Amino acid sequence: MRTKDSDLESGNGPVPASLDAWLETAVAGYRGPGRLRKCGFGQSNPTFQLSAPSGRYILRRKPFGPLLPKAHAIEREFRVLRALEHSRVPTPKPLALCEDPGVIGAAFFIMELVEGRIFYDQTLPNMSPAERAAIFDGMNHAVAALHEVRPADVGLADFGRSEGFLERQVATWTRQYRASEGEPIEAMERLISWLPSHLPPEQPGRIFHGDLLLNNMVFHPTEPRVIALLDWELSTLGDPLADLAYHVMVWRVPPNLFRGLAGLDSEHSGIPSENDYLQRYLARSGRADLPHWNFYLAFSLFRIAAILQGVWSRSQSGQASAADAEEVGRKARPLAEIGWAIACSTHS
């Protein structure tokens, strides 16, 4: 049963006695009493900053109440963080996992709080061109480091089924779109028909983060390097080029749609062009090229359009988690149209 002596739903208040007792046993050096404050990392699994006399930590838990099978897999997040702890991939240090819902009402884990900078606007306003170039290079370095890791080398050979990954992904996001569609979006219908018939040959499976956006990275307080990749709730084994394309699709999107970079003057802004950015990734990852790149970009835009269509649907049913959900959800159509235009262009 969920404890009542802390408001774990709103996220502000004292740590329940049951949680303090568990922390003192499971987390080395922890000393209470603690307090919780909800913070913005992650959209699916609620995240809290935990402050105590012994220091500050991050707590991520499953939502309360009935959940869909395999959804909100806190245990998988903890596992991938632990597996990557001693790799070249920058991650927060995982400290302890609690799978007993009796402690706070849901499974959760504790990780270190990484002090640094998080950027939400990819155009990096108020920075010099040299500073922007350095931030993008640091981001590129972190993404390449992740995709270099062989899952078996870090004990993640069974973390997912990479065979048939793209086929399953297309089917999954098609179902998600169908479950939330409103007014017909012609570009989505065309992509739903085009994507399954243009699946590229499978790539060797790598750790697939699933949400490699700039705002899911913590940068060093003063240096242009990533010190932690956040929000691993979508992670599995899959095609690294699909992970990369979702990361890079912002170069094809106008700033007013999805914090995009399309139309930006690379020479004067300091932000590299898409091609320059990809060439650095290739050099760092050891790949020779990026085959079927247009497919991966089209799929990534299809995927984000399906996600935003779900946001729109929830806004119509009164289940939205943000006041601007309807406005955000309406971006599904133009994003799908960009994806279809890419699908129609010459393959690279």
Protein backbone atom coordinates (compact mmCIF):
# COMPACT_ATOMS: atom_id res chain seq x y z
CA MET A 1 0.00 0.00 0.00
CA ARG A 2 1.28 3.45 -0.81
CA THR A 3 2.59 5.44 2.11
CA LYS A 4 0.56 8.48 3.16
CA ASP A 5 3.14 10.61 4.97
CA SER A 6 4.62 12.17 1.83
CA ASP A 7 2.96 13.50 -1.26
CA LEU A 8 4.71 11.26 -3.78
CA GLU A 9 2.18 12.21 -6.42
CA SER A 10 2.83 15.95 -6.48
CA GLY A 11 6.44 15.39 -5.54
CA ASN A 12 7.10 17.86 -2.76
CA GLY A 13 7.42 16.86 0.85
CA PRO A 14 9.26 14.75 3.40
CA VAL A 15 10.48 11.29 2.54
CA PRO A 16 8.17 8.61 4.02
CA ALA A 17 9.61 6.78 7.00
CA SER A 18 9.48 3.51 5.05
CA LEU A 19 11.59 5.00 2.26
CA ASP A 20 14.11 6.57 4.64
CA ALA A 21 14.55 3.21 6.37
CA TRP A 22 15.05 1.43 3.04
CA LEU A 23 17.55 4.05 1.81
CA GLU A 24 19.67 3.76 4.93
CA THR A 25 19.97 0.01 4.27
CA ALA A 26 20.33 0.00 0.48
CA VAL A 27 22.28 3.16 -0.40
CA ALA A 28 25.82 3.33 0.95
CA GLY A 29 26.33 6.41 3.09
CA TYR A 30 22.72 7.57 3.02
CA ARG A 31 21.60 9.46 6.10
CA GLY A 32 18.12 10.91 6.48
CA PRO A 33 15.70 12.42 6.94
CA GLY A 34 15.18 13.27 3.29
CA ARG A 35 12.88 15.48 1.26
CA LEU A 36 11.54 15.00 -2.25
CA ARG A 37 11.00 17.53 -5.01
CA LYS A 38 9.62 16.55 -8.39
CA CYS A 39 11.82 17.43 -11.33
CA GLY A 40 11.37 17.36 -15.07
CA PHE A 41 13.56 14.48 -16.22
CA GLY A 42 11.45 11.99 -18.17
CA GLN A 43 7.84 12.04 -19.32
CA SER A 44 6.82 8.51 -18.42
CA ASN A 45 8.46 7.58 -15.13
CA PRO A 46 8.08 10.30 -12.46
CA THR A 47 11.43 11.66 -11.31
CA PHE A 48 12.33 13.35 -8.04
CA GLN A 49 15.31 15.07 -6.50
CA LEU A 50 15.94 13.59 -3.08
CA SER A 51 17.81 15.85 -0.63
CA ALA A 52 19.18 14.55 2.67
CA PRO A 53 21.96 15.41 5.14
CA SER A 54 24.14 12.86 3.31
CA GLY A 55 23.71 14.51 -0.08
CA ARG A 56 21.39 14.80 -3.09
CA TYR A 57 20.13 11.93 -5.24
CA ILE A 58 17.61 11.19 -8.00
CA LEU A 59 14.65 8.85 -7.48
CA ARG A 60 12.77 7.47 -10.50
CA ARG A 61 9.67 5.40 -9.94
CA LYS A 62 6.88 3.76 -11.86
CA PRO A 63 3.55 5.62 -11.92
CA PHE A 64 1.03 4.55 -9.31
CA GLY A 65 -1.94 2.41 -10.30
CA PRO A 66 -2.55 -0.19 -13.04
CA LEU A 67 0.06 -0.21 -15.82
CA LEU A 68 0.28 -1.73 -19.26
CA PRO A 69 2.40 -4.88 -19.54
CA LYS A 70 6.10 -4.07 -20.04
CA ALA A 71 5.44 -0.33 -19.67
CA HIS A 72 7.42 1.92 -17.30
CA ALA A 73 10.20 -0.66 -16.98
CA ILE A 74 12.17 0.90 -14.13
CA GLU A 75 14.10 -2.35 -13.71
CA ARG A 76 15.36 -2.14 -17.32
CA GLU A 77 16.49 1.46 -16.85
CA PHE A 78 18.46 0.46 -13.79
CA ARG A 79 19.97 -2.52 -15.57
CA VAL A 80 21.26 -0.55 -18.56
CA LEU A 81 22.72 2.15 -16.31
CA ARG A 82 24.53 -0.47 -14.26
CA ALA A 83 25.80 -2.21 -17.39
CA LEU A 84 27.22 1.03 -18.80
CA GLU A 85 28.65 2.29 -15.52
CA HIS A 86 32.26 1.45 -16.39
CA SER A 87 32.02 2.04 -20.14
CA ARG A 88 32.91 5.16 -22.14
CA VAL A 89 29.23 6.10 -22.24
CA PRO A 90 28.47 8.96 -19.81
CA THR A 91 25.67 7.88 -17.47
CA PRO A 92 24.50 8.70 -13.95
CA LYS A 93 25.77 6.18 -11.38
CA PRO A 94 22.95 3.80 -10.36
CA LEU A 95 22.86 3.27 -6.61
CA ALA A 96 20.00 0.94 -5.67
CA LEU A 97 16.85 -0.67 -7.10
CA CYS A 98 13.68 -1.42 -5.13
CA GLU A 99 11.19 -3.76 -6.78
CA ASP A 100 9.00 -4.00 -3.66
CA PRO A 101 5.93 -1.75 -4.18
CA GLY A 102 5.32 -1.86 -0.44
CA VAL A 103 8.01 0.74 0.25
CA ILE A 104 6.44 3.72 -1.56
CA GLY A 105 3.64 2.18 -3.63
CA ALA A 106 5.64 1.42 -6.80
CA ALA A 107 9.02 0.06 -7.88
CA PHE A 108 11.78 2.68 -8.05
CA PHE A 109 15.52 3.18 -8.24
CA ILE A 110 18.02 5.66 -6.86
CA MET A 111 20.87 7.15 -8.88
CA GLU A 112 23.39 9.90 -8.36
CA LEU A 113 22.42 13.49 -9.08
CA VAL A 114 24.71 14.74 -11.85
CA GLU A 115 25.44 18.45 -11.54
CA GLY A 116 25.69 20.15 -14.91
CA ARG A 117 23.90 22.01 -17.69
CA ILE A 118 20.83 20.89 -19.66
CA PHE A 119 19.95 22.76 -22.86
CA TYR A 120 16.35 22.81 -24.08
CA ASP A 121 16.76 25.07 -27.12
CA GLN A 122 18.96 23.41 -29.72
CA THR A 123 19.86 26.73 -31.30
CA LEU A 124 21.75 27.51 -28.07
CA PRO A 125 20.92 31.21 -27.85
CA ASN A 126 23.29 33.49 -25.98
CA MET A 127 26.29 31.36 -26.97
CA SER A 128 29.09 32.25 -29.35
CA PRO A 129 29.55 30.24 -32.57
CA ALA A 130 32.63 28.58 -31.07
CA GLU A 131 30.68 27.56 -27.95
CA ARG A 132 27.84 26.10 -30.04
CA ALA A 133 30.26 24.15 -32.18
CA ALA A 134 31.89 22.68 -29.09
CA ILE A 135 28.54 21.67 -27.52
CA PHE A 136 27.46 19.88 -30.70
CA ASP A 137 30.81 18.13 -30.93
CA GLY A 138 30.45 16.94 -27.33
CA MET A 139 26.97 15.63 -28.09
CA ASN A 140 28.26 13.83 -31.18
CA HIS A 141 31.01 12.21 -29.13
CA ALA A 142 28.52 10.83 -26.57
CA VAL A 143 26.17 9.37 -29.21
CA ALA A 144 29.03 7.68 -31.07
CA ALA A 145 30.37 6.25 -27.80
CA LEU A 146 26.99 4.66 -27.05
CA HIS A 147 26.69 3.04 -30.47
CA GLU A 148 30.22 1.65 -30.27
CA VAL A 149 29.33 -0.54 -27.29
CA ARG A 150 28.72 -4.20 -28.11
CA PRO A 151 25.84 -5.33 -25.89
CA ALA A 152 27.45 -8.68 -25.05
CA ASP A 153 30.56 -6.91 -23.77
CA VAL A 154 28.56 -5.20 -21.00
CA GLY A 155 26.20 -8.06 -20.16
CA LEU A 156 23.28 -6.85 -22.26
CA ALA A 157 23.14 -9.55 -24.94
CA ASP A 158 19.62 -10.44 -23.79
CA PHE A 159 18.41 -6.87 -23.26
CA GLY A 160 16.19 -7.01 -26.34
CA ARG A 161 15.62 -8.77 -29.65
CA SER A 162 17.37 -6.80 -32.37
CA GLU A 163 16.26 -9.17 -35.17
CA GLY A 164 13.28 -7.68 -36.99
CA PHE A 165 13.64 -4.47 -34.99
CA LEU A 166 12.58 -2.01 -37.68
CA GLU A 167 9.66 -4.12 -38.83
CA ARG A 168 8.35 -4.30 -35.26
CA GLN A 169 8.93 -0.58 -34.73
CA VAL A 170 6.97 0.39 -37.84
CA ALA A 171 4.13 -1.89 -36.77
CA THR A 172 4.17 -0.56 -33.20
CA TRP A 173 3.98 3.11 -34.17
CA THR A 174 1.36 2.37 -36.80
CA ARG A 175 -0.81 0.82 -34.07
CA GLN A 176 -0.12 3.78 -31.78
CA TYR A 177 -1.18 6.19 -34.50
CA ARG A 178 -4.32 4.21 -35.33
CA ALA A 179 -5.29 4.19 -31.66
CA SER A 180 -5.20 7.98 -31.48
CA GLU A 181 -5.92 9.26 -34.98
CA GLY A 182 -8.38 12.10 -35.48
CA GLU A 183 -8.69 13.94 -38.77
CA PRO A 184 -6.97 11.90 -41.50
CA ILE A 185 -3.33 12.80 -42.15
CA GLU A 186 -2.54 11.84 -45.73
CA ALA A 187 1.23 11.83 -45.16
CA MET A 188 0.85 9.32 -42.31
CA GLU A 189 -1.24 7.04 -44.52
CA ARG A 190 1.40 7.18 -47.22
CA LEU A 191 4.19 6.45 -44.75
CA ILE A 192 2.22 3.56 -43.24
CA SER A 193 2.13 2.06 -46.73
CA TRP A 194 5.70 2.99 -47.77
CA LEU A 195 7.78 2.12 -44.71
CA PRO A 196 7.12 -1.66 -44.51
CA SER A 197 8.02 -2.11 -48.18
CA HIS A 198 11.31 -0.20 -47.91
CA LEU A 199 12.86 -1.75 -44.79
CA PRO A 200 16.68 -1.70 -45.09
CA PRO A 201 18.87 -4.70 -44.32
CA GLU A 202 19.33 -5.19 -40.60
CA GLN A 203 22.26 -3.60 -38.82
CA PRO A 204 24.10 -5.40 -36.00
CA GLY A 205 22.15 -4.73 -32.82
CA ARG A 206 23.44 -2.06 -30.47
CA ILE A 207 22.07 -0.38 -27.35
CA PHE A 208 19.16 1.72 -28.60
CA HIS A 209 18.50 4.69 -26.32
CA GLY A 210 15.32 5.75 -28.10
CA ASP A 211 15.26 9.46 -27.19
CA LEU A 212 18.67 10.95 -27.94
CA LEU A 213 17.64 14.59 -27.82
CA LEU A 214 19.82 17.44 -26.58
CA ASN A 215 17.64 17.99 -23.51
CA ASN A 216 18.28 14.40 -22.39
CA MET A 217 21.96 15.12 -21.93
CA VAL A 218 23.75 16.74 -18.99
CA PHE A 219 26.81 18.75 -19.94
CA HIS A 220 29.73 19.53 -17.68
CA PRO A 221 29.19 22.83 -15.81
CA THR A 222 31.99 24.59 -17.70
CA GLU A 223 33.23 22.20 -20.39
CA PRO A 224 31.49 21.24 -23.67
CA ARG A 225 31.21 17.54 -22.93
CA VAL A 226 28.33 15.30 -21.99
CA ILE A 227 28.67 13.85 -18.50
CA ALA A 228 25.35 11.97 -18.39
CA LEU A 229 22.80 10.61 -20.86
CA LEU A 230 19.36 10.64 -19.21
CA ASP A 231 15.96 9.00 -19.71
CA TRP A 232 16.62 5.39 -20.65
CA GLU A 233 12.98 4.31 -20.38
CA LEU A 234 12.77 3.43 -24.10
CA SER A 235 16.10 1.62 -24.25
CA THR A 236 16.44 -1.81 -25.82
CA LEU A 237 18.62 -3.53 -28.42
CA GLY A 238 18.05 -2.32 -31.95
CA ASP A 239 19.30 -0.60 -35.06
CA PRO A 240 21.75 2.16 -34.10
CA LEU A 241 21.02 4.05 -37.33
CA ALA A 242 17.39 4.43 -36.25
CA ASP A 243 18.62 5.83 -32.94
CA LEU A 244 20.96 8.19 -34.78
CA ALA A 245 18.30 9.35 -37.24
CA TYR A 246 15.89 10.26 -34.45
CA HIS A 247 18.74 12.29 -32.95
CA VAL A 248 19.59 14.00 -36.25
CA MET A 249 16.08 14.58 -37.68
CA VAL A 250 16.04 18.07 -36.13
CA TRP A 251 18.20 19.27 -39.03
CA ARG A 252 15.18 18.63 -41.29
CA VAL A 253 12.62 20.34 -39.04
CA PRO A 254 11.92 24.11 -38.81
CA PRO A 255 12.50 25.76 -35.41
CA ASN A 256 8.76 26.34 -34.86
CA LEU A 257 7.89 22.64 -35.04
CA PHE A 258 10.15 20.47 -32.90
CA ARG A 259 12.93 22.80 -31.79
CA GLY A 260 14.45 22.14 -35.19
CA LEU A 261 17.53 23.44 -36.98
CA ALA A 262 16.33 23.58 -40.60
CA GLY A 263 17.38 26.76 -42.34
CA LEU A 264 20.03 27.63 -39.78
CA ASP A 265 23.17 29.31 -41.14
CA SER A 266 25.90 26.87 -40.12
CA GLU A 267 28.76 29.18 -40.98
CA HIS A 268 27.60 32.01 -38.73
CA SER A 269 25.84 30.03 -35.99
CA GLY A 270 28.67 27.59 -35.30
CA ILE A 271 26.20 24.69 -35.39
CA PRO A 272 27.47 22.12 -37.91
CA SER A 273 25.48 21.14 -40.96
CA GLU A 274 23.77 17.75 -40.93
CA ASN A 275 26.41 16.35 -43.26
CA ASP A 276 29.32 17.65 -41.18
CA TYR A 277 27.75 16.30 -38.02
CA LEU A 278 27.24 12.88 -39.59
CA GLN A 279 30.80 12.78 -40.92
CA ARG A 280 32.10 13.28 -37.38
CA TYR A 281 29.83 10.48 -36.16
CA LEU A 282 31.16 8.15 -38.89
CA ALA A 283 34.76 8.94 -37.99
CA ARG A 284 34.12 8.28 -34.30
CA SER A 285 31.97 5.16 -34.71
CA GLY A 286 34.16 3.50 -37.31
CA ARG A 287 31.36 3.24 -39.86
CA ALA A 288 32.05 3.78 -43.53
CA ASP A 289 28.64 5.19 -44.49
CA LEU A 290 24.98 5.53 -43.53
CA PRO A 291 23.04 3.32 -45.97
CA HIS A 292 19.32 3.98 -46.53
CA TRP A 293 19.59 7.22 -44.57
CA ASN A 294 16.37 8.63 -46.04
CA PHE A 295 14.42 5.63 -44.75
CA TYR A 296 15.72 6.18 -41.24
CA LEU A 297 14.87 9.88 -41.33
CA ALA A 298 11.39 9.24 -42.73
CA PHE A 299 10.76 6.61 -40.08
CA SER A 300 11.95 8.95 -37.31
CA LEU A 301 9.54 11.67 -38.42
CA PHE A 302 6.75 9.09 -38.70
CA ARG A 303 7.52 7.98 -35.16
CA ILE A 304 7.48 11.47 -33.65
CA ALA A 305 4.28 12.27 -35.56
CA ALA A 306 2.66 9.17 -34.07
CA ILE A 307 3.81 10.20 -30.60
CA LEU A 308 2.43 13.73 -31.02
CA GLN A 309 -0.84 12.37 -32.39
CA GLY A 310 -1.18 10.54 -29.09
CA VAL A 311 -0.54 13.83 -27.25
CA TRP A 312 -3.33 15.43 -29.31
CA SER A 313 -5.70 12.55 -28.59
CA ARG A 314 -5.11 12.81 -24.86
CA SER A 315 -5.81 16.55 -25.04
CA GLN A 316 -9.19 15.81 -26.63
CA SER A 317 -10.11 13.30 -23.94
CA GLY A 318 -9.07 15.53 -21.05
CA GLN A 319 -6.07 13.34 -20.13
CA ALA A 320 -3.33 15.72 -21.24
CA SER A 321 -0.34 16.19 -18.94
CA ALA A 322 0.41 19.73 -20.16
CA ALA A 323 -1.66 22.81 -20.93
CA ASP A 324 -0.26 23.10 -24.47
CA ALA A 325 -0.94 19.45 -25.37
CA GLU A 326 -3.42 20.25 -28.14
CA GLU A 327 -1.06 22.76 -29.74
CA VAL A 328 1.86 20.32 -29.51
CA GLY A 329 -0.28 17.49 -30.87
CA ARG A 330 -1.20 19.47 -33.96
CA LYS A 331 2.43 19.36 -35.04
CA ALA A 332 1.96 15.71 -36.01
CA ARG A 333 0.67 16.63 -39.48
CA PRO A 334 3.53 18.92 -40.63
CA LEU A 335 6.12 16.53 -39.21
CA ALA A 336 4.56 13.62 -41.09
CA GLU A 337 4.58 15.73 -44.24
CA ILE A 338 8.31 16.36 -43.85
CA GLY A 339 8.82 12.62 -43.38
CA TRP A 340 6.88 11.78 -46.52
CA ALA A 341 8.80 14.38 -48.53
CA ILE A 342 12.04 12.71 -47.43
CA ALA A 343 10.67 9.29 -48.39
CA CYS A 344 9.87 10.62 -51.84
CA SER A 345 13.33 12.11 -52.37
CA THR A 346 16.32 10.37 -53.90
CA HIS A 347 17.65 7.64 -51.64
CA SER A 348 21.11 8.08 -50.20
